[in-house]
Amino acid sequence: SLYTAMEGLDADRCVTQCAEIANAGRTYASVHKNRAFAFIKPHAVTASVRALVREMFEERGLRIMHEGTIEAQQINEEMLIDRHYYAIASKATLLTPD
């Protein structure tokens, strides 16, 4: 991993290593940018809220790659909400407030 490659390096060597990785023959187009999953809570799914979310994302240079609907049955069967909040809670128990 990138973290493992940089772990233990001083700042100068870390910068040099990052530059070497950046020049490893990849083009900008071949490097994936960060991606996220965003959802609108069920009670708020209206045409105006969807338009507002799209507008706010676009104003901030974010691109919507895919839109869709996840039915309640799928959410329950795949425990999507449980897994989402578990991921947040598990990180919160590991991090300190400082």
N, C-alpha and C. Protein backbone atom coordinates (compact mmCIF):
# COMPACT_ATOMS: atom_id res chain seq x y z
N SER A 1 0.84 -1.19 0.00
CA SER A 1 0.00 0.00 0.00
C SER A 1 0.88 1.25 0.00
N LEU A 2 0.28 2.35 -0.34
CA LEU A 2 1.01 3.62 -0.34
C LEU A 2 1.47 3.97 1.07
N TYR A 3 0.61 3.72 2.04
CA TYR A 3 0.98 4.01 3.43
C TYR A 3 2.22 3.20 3.82
N THR A 4 2.23 1.93 3.48
CA THR A 4 3.37 1.07 3.82
C THR A 4 4.64 1.57 3.14
N ALA A 5 4.51 2.02 1.90
CA ALA A 5 5.68 2.51 1.16
C ALA A 5 6.26 3.77 1.80
N MET A 6 5.43 4.59 2.43
CA MET A 6 5.87 5.86 3.00
C MET A 6 6.19 5.78 4.49
N GLU A 7 5.71 4.74 5.14
CA GLU A 7 5.87 4.62 6.59
C GLU A 7 7.35 4.64 6.96
N GLY A 8 7.68 5.48 7.91
CA GLY A 8 9.04 5.53 8.41
C GLY A 8 9.99 6.43 7.62
N LEU A 9 9.53 7.01 6.52
CA LEU A 9 10.40 7.89 5.73
C LEU A 9 10.37 9.30 6.30
N ASP A 10 11.51 10.00 6.21
CA ASP A 10 11.49 11.40 6.59
C ASP A 10 10.79 12.20 5.49
N ALA A 11 10.49 13.46 5.75
CA ALA A 11 9.70 14.27 4.81
C ALA A 11 10.35 14.38 3.44
N ASP A 12 11.66 14.60 3.38
CA ASP A 12 12.33 14.74 2.09
C ASP A 12 12.25 13.47 1.27
N ARG A 13 12.51 12.32 1.90
CA ARG A 13 12.46 11.05 1.17
C ARG A 13 11.02 10.72 0.76
N CYS A 14 10.06 11.09 1.61
CA CYS A 14 8.65 10.86 1.29
C CYS A 14 8.26 11.64 0.04
N VAL A 15 8.66 12.91 -0.04
CA VAL A 15 8.36 13.73 -1.21
C VAL A 15 9.02 13.14 -2.46
N THR A 16 10.26 12.70 -2.33
CA THR A 16 10.97 12.09 -3.46
C THR A 16 10.27 10.82 -3.92
N GLN A 17 9.88 9.99 -2.95
CA GLN A 17 9.18 8.73 -3.28
C GLN A 17 7.85 9.02 -3.97
N CYS A 18 7.12 10.01 -3.50
CA CYS A 18 5.84 10.38 -4.13
C CYS A 18 6.05 10.85 -5.56
N ALA A 19 7.10 11.63 -5.79
CA ALA A 19 7.41 12.09 -7.14
C ALA A 19 7.73 10.91 -8.05
N GLU A 20 8.47 9.93 -7.53
CA GLU A 20 8.80 8.75 -8.33
C GLU A 20 7.54 7.96 -8.68
N ILE A 21 6.65 7.82 -7.71
CA ILE A 21 5.39 7.11 -7.96
C ILE A 21 4.56 7.87 -8.99
N ALA A 22 4.52 9.19 -8.87
CA ALA A 22 3.74 10.02 -9.79
C ALA A 22 4.27 9.93 -11.22
N ASN A 23 5.55 9.69 -11.38
CA ASN A 23 6.15 9.61 -12.71
C ASN A 23 6.34 8.17 -13.17
N ALA A 24 5.55 7.26 -12.67
CA ALA A 24 5.71 5.84 -12.96
C ALA A 24 5.04 5.44 -14.27
N GLY A 25 4.79 6.39 -15.15
CA GLY A 25 4.22 6.06 -16.45
C GLY A 25 2.71 6.13 -16.54
N ARG A 26 2.07 6.46 -15.44
CA ARG A 26 0.61 6.59 -15.49
C ARG A 26 0.24 7.96 -16.01
N THR A 27 -0.83 8.03 -16.75
CA THR A 27 -1.34 9.33 -17.19
C THR A 27 -2.45 9.74 -16.24
N TYR A 28 -2.80 10.98 -16.29
CA TYR A 28 -3.87 11.51 -15.43
C TYR A 28 -5.15 10.69 -15.61
N ALA A 29 -5.45 10.34 -16.86
CA ALA A 29 -6.69 9.63 -17.14
C ALA A 29 -6.71 8.23 -16.55
N SER A 30 -5.55 7.65 -16.32
CA SER A 30 -5.53 6.29 -15.82
C SER A 30 -5.59 6.21 -14.30
N VAL A 31 -5.53 7.33 -13.62
CA VAL A 31 -5.56 7.35 -12.17
C VAL A 31 -6.99 7.68 -11.72
N HIS A 32 -7.56 6.81 -10.89
CA HIS A 32 -8.92 7.05 -10.41
C HIS A 32 -8.91 8.14 -9.34
N LYS A 33 -9.90 8.99 -9.42
CA LYS A 33 -10.07 10.00 -8.38
C LYS A 33 -10.90 9.38 -7.25
N ASN A 34 -11.02 10.10 -6.18
CA ASN A 34 -11.84 9.63 -5.07
C ASN A 34 -13.28 9.48 -5.53
N ARG A 35 -13.97 8.50 -4.96
CA ARG A 35 -15.37 8.28 -5.26
C ARG A 35 -16.14 8.14 -3.95
N ALA A 36 -17.40 8.49 -4.00
CA ALA A 36 -18.23 8.40 -2.80
C ALA A 36 -19.63 7.96 -3.18
N PHE A 37 -20.32 7.44 -2.22
CA PHE A 37 -21.71 7.06 -2.37
C PHE A 37 -22.52 8.06 -1.57
N ALA A 38 -23.43 8.75 -2.21
CA ALA A 38 -24.27 9.73 -1.52
C ALA A 38 -25.72 9.28 -1.64
N PHE A 39 -26.47 9.50 -0.59
CA PHE A 39 -27.89 9.15 -0.68
C PHE A 39 -28.74 10.23 -0.05
N ILE A 40 -29.96 10.31 -0.55
CA ILE A 40 -30.96 11.23 0.00
C ILE A 40 -31.90 10.37 0.83
N LYS A 41 -32.14 10.77 2.05
CA LYS A 41 -33.01 9.99 2.92
C LYS A 41 -34.42 9.93 2.33
N PRO A 42 -35.10 8.81 2.52
CA PRO A 42 -36.39 8.57 1.87
C PRO A 42 -37.42 9.69 2.00
N HIS A 43 -37.51 10.30 3.18
CA HIS A 43 -38.52 11.34 3.37
C HIS A 43 -38.22 12.61 2.58
N ALA A 44 -36.97 12.74 2.09
CA ALA A 44 -36.57 13.96 1.39
C ALA A 44 -36.45 13.79 -0.13
N VAL A 45 -36.75 12.61 -0.64
CA VAL A 45 -36.59 12.37 -2.08
C VAL A 45 -37.73 13.05 -2.83
N THR A 46 -37.45 14.25 -3.30
CA THR A 46 -38.38 14.99 -4.14
C THR A 46 -37.59 15.52 -5.33
N ALA A 47 -38.27 15.95 -6.35
CA ALA A 47 -37.59 16.48 -7.53
C ALA A 47 -36.73 17.69 -7.16
N SER A 48 -37.24 18.55 -6.28
CA SER A 48 -36.48 19.75 -5.93
C SER A 48 -35.23 19.41 -5.11
N VAL A 49 -35.30 18.43 -4.22
CA VAL A 49 -34.12 18.04 -3.44
C VAL A 49 -33.09 17.39 -4.35
N ARG A 50 -33.54 16.52 -5.26
CA ARG A 50 -32.61 15.89 -6.20
C ARG A 50 -31.91 16.95 -7.04
N ALA A 51 -32.65 17.96 -7.49
CA ALA A 51 -32.05 19.03 -8.29
C ALA A 51 -31.06 19.84 -7.45
N LEU A 52 -31.40 20.10 -6.21
CA LEU A 52 -30.51 20.84 -5.32
C LEU A 52 -29.20 20.07 -5.08
N VAL A 53 -29.29 18.78 -4.83
CA VAL A 53 -28.09 17.97 -4.62
C VAL A 53 -27.21 18.00 -5.87
N ARG A 54 -27.83 17.79 -7.02
CA ARG A 54 -27.07 17.81 -8.28
C ARG A 54 -26.38 19.17 -8.46
N GLU A 55 -27.12 20.25 -8.24
CA GLU A 55 -26.57 21.61 -8.39
C GLU A 55 -25.39 21.84 -7.43
N MET A 56 -25.55 21.44 -6.19
CA MET A 56 -24.48 21.65 -5.20
C MET A 56 -23.24 20.83 -5.54
N PHE A 57 -23.43 19.60 -6.00
CA PHE A 57 -22.29 18.78 -6.41
C PHE A 57 -21.58 19.44 -7.58
N GLU A 58 -22.32 19.85 -8.58
CA GLU A 58 -21.72 20.45 -9.78
C GLU A 58 -20.98 21.74 -9.45
N GLU A 59 -21.55 22.56 -8.55
CA GLU A 59 -20.88 23.81 -8.15
C GLU A 59 -19.53 23.55 -7.50
N ARG A 60 -19.39 22.39 -6.91
CA ARG A 60 -18.15 22.03 -6.21
C ARG A 60 -17.24 21.16 -7.07
N GLY A 61 -17.59 21.02 -8.34
CA GLY A 61 -16.75 20.25 -9.25
C GLY A 61 -16.88 18.75 -9.11
N LEU A 62 -17.96 18.29 -8.48
CA LEU A 62 -18.19 16.86 -8.32
C LEU A 62 -19.06 16.35 -9.46
N ARG A 63 -18.75 15.17 -9.91
CA ARG A 63 -19.48 14.58 -11.04
C ARG A 63 -20.30 13.40 -10.54
N ILE A 64 -21.56 13.35 -10.91
CA ILE A 64 -22.42 12.22 -10.57
C ILE A 64 -22.22 11.17 -11.65
N MET A 65 -21.73 10.02 -11.23
CA MET A 65 -21.41 8.96 -12.19
C MET A 65 -22.59 8.04 -12.44
N HIS A 66 -23.45 7.91 -11.45
CA HIS A 66 -24.59 6.99 -11.58
C HIS A 66 -25.66 7.40 -10.58
N GLU A 67 -26.90 7.29 -11.00
CA GLU A 67 -28.02 7.52 -10.10
C GLU A 67 -28.91 6.30 -10.11
N GLY A 68 -29.56 6.05 -9.01
CA GLY A 68 -30.46 4.92 -8.96
C GLY A 68 -31.28 4.92 -7.70
N THR A 69 -32.08 3.89 -7.58
CA THR A 69 -32.94 3.72 -6.42
C THR A 69 -32.65 2.37 -5.81
N ILE A 70 -32.60 2.33 -4.51
CA ILE A 70 -32.46 1.07 -3.79
C ILE A 70 -33.74 0.86 -3.00
N GLU A 71 -34.42 -0.21 -3.30
CA GLU A 71 -35.69 -0.51 -2.64
C GLU A 71 -35.47 -0.95 -1.20
N ALA A 72 -36.49 -0.76 -0.36
CA ALA A 72 -36.42 -1.09 1.05
C ALA A 72 -36.06 -2.56 1.27
N GLN A 73 -36.61 -3.44 0.47
CA GLN A 73 -36.33 -4.87 0.63
C GLN A 73 -34.83 -5.15 0.46
N GLN A 74 -34.21 -4.55 -0.55
CA GLN A 74 -32.77 -4.74 -0.77
C GLN A 74 -31.97 -4.15 0.39
N ILE A 75 -32.38 -2.98 0.87
CA ILE A 75 -31.69 -2.34 2.00
C ILE A 75 -31.72 -3.26 3.22
N ASN A 76 -32.88 -3.86 3.48
CA ASN A 76 -33.02 -4.76 4.62
C ASN A 76 -32.24 -6.06 4.43
N GLU A 77 -32.39 -6.67 3.27
CA GLU A 77 -31.74 -7.96 3.01
C GLU A 77 -30.22 -7.86 3.06
N GLU A 78 -29.68 -6.78 2.51
CA GLU A 78 -28.23 -6.62 2.46
C GLU A 78 -27.69 -5.84 3.66
N MET A 79 -28.57 -5.47 4.57
CA MET A 79 -28.21 -4.75 5.79
C MET A 79 -27.37 -3.51 5.47
N LEU A 80 -27.78 -2.76 4.46
CA LEU A 80 -26.98 -1.62 4.00
C LEU A 80 -26.86 -0.52 5.04
N ILE A 81 -27.94 -0.22 5.73
CA ILE A 81 -27.90 0.82 6.76
C ILE A 81 -27.03 0.35 7.93
N ASP A 82 -27.24 -0.90 8.35
CA ASP A 82 -26.46 -1.45 9.47
C ASP A 82 -24.97 -1.40 9.16
N ARG A 83 -24.59 -1.81 7.96
CA ARG A 83 -23.18 -1.83 7.59
C ARG A 83 -22.62 -0.41 7.50
N HIS A 84 -23.42 0.52 6.98
CA HIS A 84 -22.98 1.91 6.86
C HIS A 84 -22.67 2.49 8.24
N TYR A 85 -23.61 2.37 9.16
CA TYR A 85 -23.41 2.95 10.49
C TYR A 85 -22.38 2.16 11.29
N TYR A 86 -22.24 0.86 11.05
CA TYR A 86 -21.20 0.09 11.73
C TYR A 86 -19.82 0.62 11.33
N ALA A 87 -19.63 0.91 10.04
CA ALA A 87 -18.34 1.42 9.57
C ALA A 87 -18.00 2.74 10.25
N ILE A 88 -18.98 3.61 10.39
CA ILE A 88 -18.76 4.91 11.05
C ILE A 88 -18.46 4.69 12.54
N ALA A 89 -19.26 3.86 13.19
CA ALA A 89 -19.08 3.63 14.63
C ALA A 89 -17.75 2.96 14.92
N SER A 90 -17.33 2.02 14.10
CA SER A 90 -16.08 1.32 14.37
C SER A 90 -14.89 2.28 14.25
N LYS A 91 -14.95 3.22 13.32
CA LYS A 91 -13.87 4.21 13.21
C LYS A 91 -13.90 5.16 14.41
N ALA A 92 -15.07 5.52 14.85
CA ALA A 92 -15.20 6.44 15.97
C ALA A 92 -14.61 5.85 17.25
N THR A 93 -14.68 4.55 17.39
CA THR A 93 -14.13 3.93 18.60
C THR A 93 -12.60 3.84 18.55
N LEU A 94 -12.01 3.95 17.36
CA LEU A 94 -10.57 3.85 17.22
C LEU A 94 -9.85 5.21 17.28
N LEU A 95 -10.56 6.27 16.94
CA LEU A 95 -9.94 7.59 16.86
C LEU A 95 -10.07 8.33 18.18
N THR A 96 -9.06 9.12 18.49
CA THR A 96 -9.14 9.95 19.69
C THR A 96 -9.48 11.38 19.28
N PRO A 97 -10.08 12.15 20.18
CA PRO A 97 -10.51 13.51 19.81
C PRO A 97 -9.38 14.51 19.61
N ASP A 98 -8.15 14.16 19.90
CA ASP A 98 -7.06 15.12 19.77
C ASP A 98 -6.52 15.13 18.40
